[in-house]
Amino acid sequence: MPKTELRVIEYVSAMRKESPNLGKEIIAKELLRLHGITVSSSTVGRVISRHGLFFGTSPLHKAKRKQALEKLTHQHTDVHQSEFELASDKESAALFPLPNFS
């Protein structure tokens, strides 16, 4: 999956901050008209969602903003538990036997 250019993300963010209820279709058209950037409305929608660009005061925007924040928080704290699981005592003893000093 190709990555979205940083300048596209910045433009989408600026447009949403300036006009919080601006939809993805209009933003895609404005990017082309103002900056000569061609992106699909789906790409704009993904940018809005991934970066939590919900600045409106409507209940829907508040809910989406909360959901986006929870998702971002979960992604950054979601560590594969298996990477940090400790082996049981029996497994540890087999892997790291203590020397017998008797």
N, C-alpha and C. Protein backbone atom coordinates (compact mmCIF):
# COMPACT_ATOMS: atom_id res chain seq x y z
N MET A 1 0.84 -1.17 0.00
CA MET A 1 0.00 0.00 0.00
C MET A 1 0.90 1.24 0.00
N PRO A 2 0.73 2.13 -0.97
CA PRO A 2 1.56 3.33 -1.03
C PRO A 2 1.23 4.28 0.13
N LYS A 3 2.25 4.97 0.60
CA LYS A 3 2.06 5.92 1.69
C LYS A 3 1.58 7.25 1.12
N THR A 4 0.75 7.93 1.88
CA THR A 4 0.26 9.24 1.49
C THR A 4 1.35 10.26 1.78
N GLU A 5 1.57 11.14 0.82
CA GLU A 5 2.61 12.16 0.97
C GLU A 5 2.30 13.06 2.16
N LEU A 6 3.35 13.48 2.86
CA LEU A 6 3.20 14.32 4.02
C LEU A 6 2.49 15.62 3.68
N ARG A 7 2.78 16.20 2.52
CA ARG A 7 2.14 17.47 2.16
C ARG A 7 0.63 17.30 2.00
N VAL A 8 0.18 16.13 1.53
CA VAL A 8 -1.25 15.87 1.40
C VAL A 8 -1.88 15.83 2.79
N ILE A 9 -1.24 15.13 3.72
CA ILE A 9 -1.74 15.05 5.09
C ILE A 9 -1.82 16.45 5.70
N GLU A 10 -0.78 17.25 5.48
CA GLU A 10 -0.76 18.61 6.02
C GLU A 10 -1.88 19.47 5.43
N TYR A 11 -2.10 19.37 4.11
CA TYR A 11 -3.17 20.15 3.48
C TYR A 11 -4.54 19.71 4.00
N VAL A 12 -4.74 18.40 4.09
CA VAL A 12 -6.03 17.89 4.57
C VAL A 12 -6.26 18.37 6.01
N SER A 13 -5.23 18.29 6.83
CA SER A 13 -5.34 18.74 8.21
C SER A 13 -5.69 20.22 8.28
N ALA A 14 -5.00 21.03 7.49
CA ALA A 14 -5.26 22.48 7.49
C ALA A 14 -6.68 22.78 7.03
N MET A 15 -7.13 22.09 5.99
CA MET A 15 -8.48 22.33 5.49
C MET A 15 -9.53 21.93 6.52
N ARG A 16 -9.30 20.80 7.19
CA ARG A 16 -10.28 20.35 8.20
C ARG A 16 -10.29 21.28 9.41
N LYS A 17 -9.13 21.82 9.79
CA LYS A 17 -9.09 22.74 10.92
C LYS A 17 -9.82 24.04 10.57
N GLU A 18 -9.63 24.49 9.35
CA GLU A 18 -10.28 25.73 8.90
C GLU A 18 -11.78 25.54 8.72
N SER A 19 -12.18 24.40 8.16
CA SER A 19 -13.59 24.10 7.93
C SER A 19 -13.87 22.67 8.39
N PRO A 20 -14.17 22.48 9.67
CA PRO A 20 -14.29 21.14 10.26
C PRO A 20 -15.30 20.21 9.59
N ASN A 21 -16.30 20.77 8.94
CA ASN A 21 -17.33 19.92 8.33
C ASN A 21 -17.10 19.68 6.85
N LEU A 22 -15.95 20.10 6.34
CA LEU A 22 -15.62 19.88 4.94
C LEU A 22 -15.45 18.38 4.70
N GLY A 23 -16.16 17.85 3.71
CA GLY A 23 -16.12 16.42 3.43
C GLY A 23 -14.95 16.01 2.57
N LYS A 24 -14.73 14.71 2.53
CA LYS A 24 -13.59 14.17 1.80
C LYS A 24 -13.65 14.45 0.30
N GLU A 25 -14.85 14.44 -0.28
CA GLU A 25 -14.98 14.70 -1.72
C GLU A 25 -14.58 16.12 -2.06
N ILE A 26 -15.04 17.07 -1.25
CA ILE A 26 -14.71 18.48 -1.51
C ILE A 26 -13.23 18.72 -1.29
N ILE A 27 -12.66 18.14 -0.24
CA ILE A 27 -11.23 18.31 0.02
C ILE A 27 -10.42 17.77 -1.15
N ALA A 28 -10.78 16.61 -1.68
CA ALA A 28 -10.06 16.04 -2.83
C ALA A 28 -10.13 16.99 -4.02
N LYS A 29 -11.30 17.57 -4.28
CA LYS A 29 -11.45 18.52 -5.39
C LYS A 29 -10.64 19.79 -5.14
N GLU A 30 -10.63 20.26 -3.91
CA GLU A 30 -9.89 21.48 -3.57
C GLU A 30 -8.38 21.26 -3.65
N LEU A 31 -7.92 20.08 -3.28
CA LEU A 31 -6.49 19.78 -3.42
C LEU A 31 -6.06 19.87 -4.88
N LEU A 32 -6.92 19.38 -5.77
CA LEU A 32 -6.62 19.46 -7.20
C LEU A 32 -6.68 20.91 -7.68
N ARG A 33 -7.73 21.62 -7.31
CA ARG A 33 -7.93 23.00 -7.78
C ARG A 33 -6.87 23.96 -7.24
N LEU A 34 -6.58 23.86 -5.96
CA LEU A 34 -5.66 24.81 -5.33
C LEU A 34 -4.18 24.44 -5.44
N HIS A 35 -3.91 23.13 -5.43
CA HIS A 35 -2.51 22.70 -5.35
C HIS A 35 -2.08 21.76 -6.47
N GLY A 36 -3.01 21.40 -7.36
CA GLY A 36 -2.67 20.50 -8.45
C GLY A 36 -2.38 19.08 -7.98
N ILE A 37 -2.89 18.71 -6.81
CA ILE A 37 -2.65 17.39 -6.24
C ILE A 37 -3.87 16.52 -6.51
N THR A 38 -3.65 15.38 -7.15
CA THR A 38 -4.73 14.45 -7.42
C THR A 38 -4.69 13.30 -6.43
N VAL A 39 -5.71 13.23 -5.60
CA VAL A 39 -5.89 12.11 -4.68
C VAL A 39 -7.37 11.76 -4.68
N SER A 40 -7.67 10.52 -4.39
CA SER A 40 -9.07 10.10 -4.34
C SER A 40 -9.71 10.57 -3.04
N SER A 41 -11.01 10.65 -3.06
CA SER A 41 -11.74 11.01 -1.84
C SER A 41 -11.54 9.93 -0.79
N SER A 42 -11.33 8.69 -1.22
CA SER A 42 -11.07 7.60 -0.27
C SER A 42 -9.75 7.83 0.48
N THR A 43 -8.75 8.30 -0.24
CA THR A 43 -7.46 8.61 0.39
C THR A 43 -7.64 9.72 1.41
N VAL A 44 -8.38 10.75 1.04
CA VAL A 44 -8.64 11.85 1.97
C VAL A 44 -9.38 11.32 3.20
N GLY A 45 -10.36 10.45 2.99
CA GLY A 45 -11.09 9.87 4.11
C GLY A 45 -10.20 9.08 5.04
N ARG A 46 -9.26 8.33 4.46
CA ARG A 46 -8.32 7.56 5.29
C ARG A 46 -7.41 8.49 6.09
N VAL A 47 -6.97 9.57 5.47
CA VAL A 47 -6.12 10.55 6.17
C VAL A 47 -6.90 11.14 7.35
N ILE A 48 -8.14 11.52 7.10
CA ILE A 48 -8.98 12.10 8.16
C ILE A 48 -9.12 11.10 9.31
N SER A 49 -9.41 9.87 8.97
CA SER A 49 -9.63 8.84 9.99
C SER A 49 -8.36 8.49 10.74
N ARG A 50 -7.28 8.23 10.01
CA ARG A 50 -6.02 7.81 10.63
C ARG A 50 -5.43 8.86 11.55
N HIS A 51 -5.63 10.12 11.19
CA HIS A 51 -5.02 11.20 11.95
C HIS A 51 -6.01 11.90 12.88
N GLY A 52 -7.22 11.35 12.97
CA GLY A 52 -8.21 11.89 13.90
C GLY A 52 -8.58 13.33 13.63
N LEU A 53 -8.74 13.67 12.36
CA LEU A 53 -9.01 15.06 11.98
C LEU A 53 -10.51 15.36 12.05
N PHE A 54 -11.06 15.19 13.24
CA PHE A 54 -12.47 15.46 13.49
C PHE A 54 -12.54 16.64 14.46
N PHE A 55 -12.74 17.84 13.91
CA PHE A 55 -12.69 19.05 14.71
C PHE A 55 -14.06 19.67 14.95
N GLY A 56 -15.10 19.11 14.36
CA GLY A 56 -16.44 19.65 14.50
C GLY A 56 -16.96 19.49 15.92
N THR A 57 -18.02 20.20 16.22
CA THR A 57 -18.60 20.15 17.56
C THR A 57 -19.85 19.29 17.63
N SER A 58 -20.19 18.68 16.52
CA SER A 58 -21.39 17.82 16.51
C SER A 58 -21.13 16.56 17.33
N PRO A 59 -22.18 15.92 17.82
CA PRO A 59 -22.00 14.67 18.56
C PRO A 59 -21.26 13.61 17.74
N LEU A 60 -21.51 13.56 16.45
CA LEU A 60 -20.83 12.58 15.59
C LEU A 60 -19.33 12.84 15.55
N HIS A 61 -18.94 14.10 15.39
CA HIS A 61 -17.51 14.43 15.36
C HIS A 61 -16.86 14.14 16.71
N LYS A 62 -17.57 14.44 17.78
CA LYS A 62 -17.02 14.17 19.11
C LYS A 62 -16.81 12.67 19.30
N ALA A 63 -17.75 11.87 18.85
CA ALA A 63 -17.63 10.41 18.95
C ALA A 63 -16.49 9.89 18.09
N LYS A 64 -16.38 10.41 16.86
CA LYS A 64 -15.29 9.98 15.97
C LYS A 64 -13.93 10.40 16.52
N ARG A 65 -13.87 11.60 17.10
CA ARG A 65 -12.63 12.09 17.69
C ARG A 65 -12.20 11.17 18.84
N LYS A 66 -13.15 10.80 19.68
CA LYS A 66 -12.87 9.91 20.81
C LYS A 66 -12.41 8.54 20.31
N GLN A 67 -13.11 8.02 19.29
CA GLN A 67 -12.76 6.72 18.72
C GLN A 67 -11.37 6.75 18.10
N ALA A 68 -11.05 7.82 17.38
CA ALA A 68 -9.73 7.94 16.75
C ALA A 68 -8.63 8.00 17.80
N LEU A 69 -8.89 8.74 18.88
CA LEU A 69 -7.91 8.84 19.95
C LEU A 69 -7.68 7.49 20.61
N GLU A 70 -8.75 6.75 20.86
CA GLU A 70 -8.61 5.43 21.46
C GLU A 70 -7.84 4.49 20.55
N LYS A 71 -8.11 4.57 19.25
CA LYS A 71 -7.42 3.70 18.29
C LYS A 71 -5.93 4.03 18.25
N LEU A 72 -5.60 5.32 18.19
CA LEU A 72 -4.20 5.72 18.15
C LEU A 72 -3.48 5.31 19.43
N THR A 73 -4.13 5.49 20.57
CA THR A 73 -3.55 5.11 21.84
C THR A 73 -3.31 3.61 21.89
N HIS A 74 -4.29 2.84 21.42
CA HIS A 74 -4.17 1.38 21.43
C HIS A 74 -3.04 0.93 20.51
N GLN A 75 -2.90 1.54 19.33
CA GLN A 75 -1.86 1.15 18.39
C GLN A 75 -0.47 1.39 18.96
N HIS A 76 -0.31 2.47 19.71
CA HIS A 76 1.00 2.80 20.23
C HIS A 76 1.35 2.00 21.49
N THR A 77 0.35 1.47 22.17
CA THR A 77 0.65 0.70 23.38
C THR A 77 0.47 -0.79 23.18
N ASP A 78 0.02 -1.18 22.00
CA ASP A 78 -0.23 -2.59 21.74
C ASP A 78 1.09 -3.28 21.40
N VAL A 79 1.64 -3.94 22.37
CA VAL A 79 2.89 -4.66 22.17
C VAL A 79 2.55 -6.14 22.22
N HIS A 80 3.14 -6.87 21.33
CA HIS A 80 2.88 -8.30 21.31
C HIS A 80 3.30 -8.90 22.64
N GLN A 81 2.33 -9.40 23.34
CA GLN A 81 2.58 -9.94 24.66
C GLN A 81 3.61 -11.06 24.61
N SER A 82 3.61 -11.82 23.52
CA SER A 82 4.53 -12.95 23.44
C SER A 82 5.99 -12.51 23.46
N GLU A 83 6.26 -11.26 23.05
CA GLU A 83 7.63 -10.78 23.06
C GLU A 83 8.14 -10.56 24.48
N PHE A 84 7.21 -10.37 25.41
CA PHE A 84 7.62 -10.05 26.75
C PHE A 84 7.17 -11.08 27.79
N GLU A 85 6.60 -12.17 27.34
CA GLU A 85 6.18 -13.20 28.28
C GLU A 85 7.39 -13.88 28.88
N LEU A 86 7.30 -14.11 30.14
CA LEU A 86 8.38 -14.83 30.80
C LEU A 86 8.10 -16.31 30.74
N ALA A 87 9.13 -17.06 30.56
CA ALA A 87 8.97 -18.51 30.55
C ALA A 87 8.61 -18.97 31.96
N SER A 88 7.92 -20.08 32.03
CA SER A 88 7.58 -20.63 33.34
C SER A 88 8.88 -21.04 34.04
N ASP A 89 8.80 -21.27 35.33
CA ASP A 89 9.98 -21.66 36.10
C ASP A 89 10.63 -22.91 35.52
N LYS A 90 9.81 -23.87 35.12
CA LYS A 90 10.33 -25.12 34.57
C LYS A 90 11.09 -24.85 33.27
N GLU A 91 10.50 -24.01 32.40
CA GLU A 91 11.16 -23.68 31.14
C GLU A 91 12.44 -22.90 31.39
N SER A 92 12.40 -21.98 32.35
CA SER A 92 13.59 -21.20 32.67
C SER A 92 14.71 -22.10 33.17
N ALA A 93 14.35 -23.06 34.01
CA ALA A 93 15.36 -23.97 34.55
C ALA A 93 15.99 -24.80 33.44
N ALA A 94 15.19 -25.18 32.46
CA ALA A 94 15.74 -25.97 31.35
C ALA A 94 16.63 -25.11 30.47
N LEU A 95 16.24 -23.87 30.26
CA LEU A 95 17.03 -22.99 29.40
C LEU A 95 18.26 -22.44 30.10
N PHE A 96 18.14 -22.15 31.37
CA PHE A 96 19.23 -21.53 32.13
C PHE A 96 19.48 -22.34 33.40
N PRO A 97 20.06 -23.51 33.27
CA PRO A 97 20.26 -24.34 34.47
C PRO A 97 21.27 -23.70 35.43
N LEU A 98 20.95 -23.80 36.71
CA LEU A 98 21.87 -23.29 37.72
C LEU A 98 22.98 -24.30 37.93
N PRO A 99 24.18 -23.79 38.13
CA PRO A 99 25.30 -24.72 38.35
C PRO A 99 25.12 -25.46 39.67
N ASN A 100 25.57 -26.69 39.72
CA ASN A 100 25.47 -27.52 40.91
C ASN A 100 26.78 -27.40 41.66
N PHE A 101 26.74 -26.72 42.83
CA PHE A 101 27.96 -26.49 43.60
C PHE A 101 28.14 -27.51 44.72
N SER A 102 27.36 -28.55 44.79
CA SER A 102 27.52 -29.51 45.89
C SER A 102 28.44 -30.64 45.54
